[in-house]
Amino acid sequence: MNLEFDRIIPSLPYILEGIPTTLKVVAVAAVIGFVLGILLSILKISKIKPLNWIADFYTSIFRGTPLVLQLMLIYFGSPQILGIQIEAFQAAFLAFGLNSAAYISEIIRGGILAVDKGQREAALALGVPYSGMMLNIILPQAIKNILPSLVNEVISLTKESAVVTIIGLGDIMRRSYIVGGETYKFFEPILFAGLIYYVMVMVLTILGKVIERRMRRSD
């Protein structure tokens, strides 16, 4: 085994410059996924059947096809379908956000259904509007219960964001691959990229546990 980590040391700052790009994609995608996931979860529990079908169909599409395929369709297919080239960053957060929404909607739906039905009935009996009941009573409790699952989804987004390298976005993985091509040493820079992802995931895990403890104390 011939490992030469000293050859990639000068390139480490270049790889580290990919962290903001990765975090931006994850952050924007997480917001899109969360907001759209809430909307889809409400449609899924609606008593109007067509709304259930629409939400379920959306979920089946994005859960039933590979994320990398969705990313490639948005980025490489946009010139043919829309007549314009969607930028790599926009394609990345759209693909990840739309995909994440399908999973988050199921998580939130489960959280909503886990809330005691008596609270919903009491709110309606008191004349609280449905939207106000969902936003102020049901959703806060549901999110508190599903927080670990939401943190896991963000962690998955962080790791899966590495696939944006196929559309040329200068994230951590793309930069490590470029360094490998320049030095003819791929193992070392890719291993370093793996270390960066591991540290980011550990930080997210710790933050999730801290938030969870604080929310429990507020009960």
Protein backbone atom coordinates (compact mmCIF):
# COMPACT_ATOMS: atom_id res chain seq x y z
CA MET A 1 0.00 0.00 0.00
CA ASN A 2 1.46 3.31 -1.10
CA LEU A 3 -0.31 6.21 0.62
CA GLU A 4 1.10 9.71 0.27
CA PHE A 5 -1.02 12.06 2.37
CA ASP A 6 1.69 14.72 2.20
CA ARG A 7 0.93 15.18 -1.51
CA ILE A 8 -2.64 16.33 -0.86
CA ILE A 9 -1.90 18.58 2.15
CA PRO A 10 -1.52 21.70 -0.06
CA SER A 11 -4.94 20.92 -1.57
CA LEU A 12 -6.81 20.52 1.73
CA PRO A 13 -7.97 24.18 1.82
CA TYR A 14 -9.40 23.72 -1.68
CA ILE A 15 -11.42 20.70 -0.55
CA LEU A 16 -12.58 22.53 2.59
CA GLU A 17 -13.95 25.34 0.40
CA GLY A 18 -16.61 22.87 -0.72
CA ILE A 19 -18.18 22.78 2.76
CA PRO A 20 -20.25 26.00 2.31
CA THR A 21 -21.62 24.69 -0.99
CA THR A 22 -22.64 21.40 0.61
CA LEU A 23 -24.23 23.15 3.59
CA LYS A 24 -26.16 25.58 1.35
CA VAL A 25 -27.62 22.74 -0.69
CA VAL A 26 -28.60 20.85 2.46
CA ALA A 27 -30.06 23.92 4.20
CA VAL A 28 -32.20 25.08 1.25
CA ALA A 29 -33.31 21.53 0.47
CA ALA A 30 -34.22 20.93 4.12
CA VAL A 31 -36.42 24.06 4.20
CA ILE A 32 -38.15 23.10 0.94
CA GLY A 33 -38.60 19.54 2.13
CA PHE A 34 -39.99 20.59 5.50
CA VAL A 35 -42.49 23.16 4.16
CA LEU A 36 -43.65 20.96 1.29
CA GLY A 37 -43.65 17.93 3.60
CA ILE A 38 -46.07 19.66 5.98
CA LEU A 39 -48.39 20.51 3.08
CA LEU A 40 -48.28 16.93 1.75
CA SER A 41 -48.89 15.46 5.21
CA ILE A 42 -52.01 17.62 5.62
CA LEU A 43 -53.24 16.49 2.21
CA LYS A 44 -52.67 12.86 3.21
CA ILE A 45 -54.86 13.13 6.30
CA SER A 46 -57.51 15.17 4.53
CA LYS A 47 -61.00 13.71 4.24
CA ILE A 48 -61.04 14.74 0.56
CA LYS A 49 -59.96 11.62 -1.33
CA PRO A 50 -58.52 13.35 -4.45
CA LEU A 51 -56.12 15.26 -2.18
CA ASN A 52 -55.03 11.97 -0.60
CA TRP A 53 -54.40 10.51 -4.05
CA ILE A 54 -52.36 13.52 -5.20
CA ALA A 55 -50.15 13.44 -2.10
CA ASP A 56 -49.72 9.66 -2.25
CA PHE A 57 -48.87 9.80 -5.97
CA TYR A 58 -46.24 12.48 -5.34
CA THR A 59 -44.71 10.40 -2.56
CA SER A 60 -44.70 7.23 -4.66
CA ILE A 61 -42.85 9.00 -7.49
CA PHE A 62 -40.08 10.49 -5.37
CA ARG A 63 -39.70 7.49 -3.08
CA GLY A 64 -39.89 5.02 -5.94
CA THR A 65 -37.13 6.45 -8.14
CA PRO A 66 -33.43 7.05 -7.37
CA LEU A 67 -32.45 10.51 -6.17
CA VAL A 68 -29.61 10.64 -8.69
CA LEU A 69 -32.14 10.05 -11.49
CA GLN A 70 -34.29 12.95 -10.24
CA LEU A 71 -31.22 15.19 -10.07
CA MET A 72 -30.18 14.29 -13.61
CA LEU A 73 -33.69 14.81 -14.99
CA ILE A 74 -33.85 18.31 -13.50
CA TYR A 75 -30.35 19.37 -14.52
CA PHE A 76 -29.79 17.63 -17.85
CA GLY A 77 -33.45 17.56 -18.87
CA SER A 78 -34.27 21.23 -18.23
CA PRO A 79 -32.91 22.54 -21.58
CA GLN A 80 -35.03 20.03 -23.51
CA ILE A 81 -38.21 20.41 -21.45
CA LEU A 82 -38.09 24.06 -20.33
CA GLY A 83 -35.79 25.53 -22.96
CA ILE A 84 -33.43 26.85 -20.29
CA GLN A 85 -30.51 25.40 -18.39
CA ILE A 86 -31.17 25.26 -14.67
CA GLU A 87 -27.98 26.05 -12.76
CA ALA A 88 -26.27 23.25 -10.89
CA PHE A 89 -26.97 24.72 -7.44
CA GLN A 90 -30.66 25.28 -8.23
CA ALA A 91 -31.01 21.78 -9.67
CA ALA A 92 -29.36 20.34 -6.56
CA PHE A 93 -31.59 21.95 -3.96
CA LEU A 94 -34.71 21.37 -6.07
CA ALA A 95 -33.99 17.66 -6.47
CA PHE A 96 -33.05 17.19 -2.83
CA GLY A 97 -35.90 19.35 -1.55
CA LEU A 98 -38.59 17.64 -3.62
CA ASN A 99 -37.21 14.22 -2.74
CA SER A 100 -36.93 15.00 0.96
CA ALA A 101 -40.51 16.30 1.05
CA ALA A 102 -41.79 12.84 0.17
CA TYR A 103 -40.04 11.28 3.17
CA ILE A 104 -40.73 14.14 5.56
CA SER A 105 -44.44 14.09 4.69
CA GLU A 106 -44.65 10.50 5.92
CA ILE A 107 -42.76 11.37 9.09
CA ILE A 108 -45.01 14.34 9.84
CA ARG A 109 -48.16 12.41 8.96
CA GLY A 110 -47.20 9.78 11.50
CA GLY A 111 -46.48 12.47 14.08
CA ILE A 112 -49.85 14.15 13.52
CA LEU A 113 -51.76 10.87 13.81
CA ALA A 114 -49.87 10.10 17.04
CA VAL A 115 -51.25 13.22 18.76
CA ASP A 116 -54.20 12.43 21.02
CA LYS A 117 -57.43 12.80 19.02
CA GLY A 118 -59.07 14.31 22.08
CA GLN A 119 -57.05 17.50 21.64
CA ARG A 120 -58.29 17.87 18.08
CA GLU A 121 -61.89 17.30 19.14
CA ALA A 122 -61.55 19.74 22.04
CA ALA A 123 -60.11 22.44 19.78
CA LEU A 124 -62.91 22.04 17.25
CA ALA A 125 -65.48 22.06 20.05
CA LEU A 126 -64.06 25.39 21.25
CA GLY A 127 -64.44 26.84 17.78
CA VAL A 128 -60.75 26.91 16.89
CA PRO A 129 -60.38 27.04 13.08
CA TYR A 130 -58.83 23.97 11.46
CA SER A 131 -55.77 25.91 10.24
CA GLY A 132 -55.22 27.44 13.68
CA MET A 133 -55.63 24.06 15.36
CA MET A 134 -53.05 22.45 13.06
CA LEU A 135 -50.50 25.26 13.31
CA ASN A 136 -50.78 26.05 17.00
CA ILE A 137 -51.85 22.79 18.66
CA ILE A 138 -51.28 19.67 16.56
CA LEU A 139 -48.13 20.41 14.54
CA PRO A 140 -46.00 21.68 17.47
CA GLN A 141 -46.68 18.47 19.39
CA ALA A 142 -46.15 16.30 16.32
CA ILE A 143 -42.82 17.95 15.49
CA LYS A 144 -41.63 17.52 19.07
CA ASN A 145 -42.35 13.80 18.84
CA ILE A 146 -40.74 13.31 15.45
CA LEU A 147 -37.68 15.51 15.99
CA PRO A 148 -35.22 12.56 15.98
CA SER A 149 -36.64 11.39 12.65
CA LEU A 150 -36.33 14.90 11.19
CA VAL A 151 -32.71 15.11 12.35
CA ASN A 152 -32.05 11.75 10.68
CA GLU A 153 -33.53 13.11 7.46
CA VAL A 154 -31.19 16.13 7.56
CA ILE A 155 -28.26 13.78 8.20
CA SER A 156 -29.30 11.68 5.19
CA LEU A 157 -29.51 14.84 3.08
CA THR A 158 -25.99 15.79 4.14
CA LYS A 159 -24.54 12.45 3.12
CA GLU A 160 -26.59 12.10 -0.07
CA SER A 161 -25.57 15.60 -1.18
CA ALA A 162 -22.33 14.02 -2.41
CA VAL A 163 -24.15 12.92 -5.59
CA VAL A 164 -24.21 16.53 -6.83
CA THR A 165 -20.69 15.86 -8.06
CA ILE A 166 -22.26 14.32 -11.20
CA ILE A 167 -23.57 17.73 -12.29
CA GLY A 168 -20.27 19.50 -11.60
CA LEU A 169 -21.24 21.42 -8.47
CA GLY A 170 -18.12 22.29 -6.49
CA ASP A 171 -19.03 20.54 -3.27
CA ILE A 172 -16.72 18.56 -0.99
CA MET A 173 -16.81 15.38 -3.04
CA ARG A 174 -16.31 17.12 -6.39
CA ARG A 175 -13.29 19.02 -5.10
CA SER A 176 -11.74 15.90 -3.60
CA TYR A 177 -12.18 14.13 -6.93
CA ILE A 178 -10.50 17.02 -8.76
CA VAL A 179 -7.58 16.88 -6.33
CA GLY A 180 -7.32 13.15 -6.97
CA GLY A 181 -7.14 13.77 -10.71
CA GLU A 182 -4.43 16.39 -10.31
CA THR A 183 -2.27 14.33 -7.96
CA TYR A 184 -3.12 10.88 -9.36
CA LYS A 185 -3.90 9.93 -5.77
CA PHE A 186 -7.64 9.40 -5.27
CA PHE A 187 -7.73 7.42 -2.04
CA GLU A 188 -6.26 10.16 0.17
CA PRO A 189 -8.47 13.13 -0.90
CA ILE A 190 -11.62 11.00 -0.96
CA LEU A 191 -10.78 9.66 2.51
CA PHE A 192 -10.36 13.25 3.69
CA ALA A 193 -13.76 14.11 2.18
CA GLY A 194 -15.24 11.19 4.11
CA LEU A 195 -13.76 12.60 7.31
CA ILE A 196 -15.41 15.98 6.63
CA TYR A 197 -18.80 14.35 6.09
CA TYR A 198 -18.35 12.33 9.29
CA VAL A 199 -17.59 15.46 11.32
CA MET A 200 -20.61 17.30 9.87
CA VAL A 201 -22.89 14.36 10.66
CA MET A 202 -21.57 14.17 14.23
CA VAL A 203 -22.17 17.91 14.70
CA LEU A 204 -25.74 17.56 13.39
CA THR A 205 -26.31 14.58 15.69
CA ILE A 206 -25.12 16.53 18.74
CA LEU A 207 -27.21 19.59 17.79
CA GLY A 208 -30.27 17.36 17.37
CA LYS A 209 -29.79 15.86 20.83
CA VAL A 210 -29.34 19.31 22.39
CA ILE A 211 -32.54 20.61 20.78
CA GLU A 212 -34.39 17.47 21.83
CA ARG A 213 -33.30 17.87 25.47
CA ARG A 214 -34.38 21.51 25.53
CA MET A 215 -37.77 20.68 24.08
CA ARG A 216 -38.27 17.97 26.69
CA ARG A 217 -37.42 20.43 29.47
CA SER A 218 -40.09 22.80 28.18
CA ASP A 219 -42.80 20.17 28.65
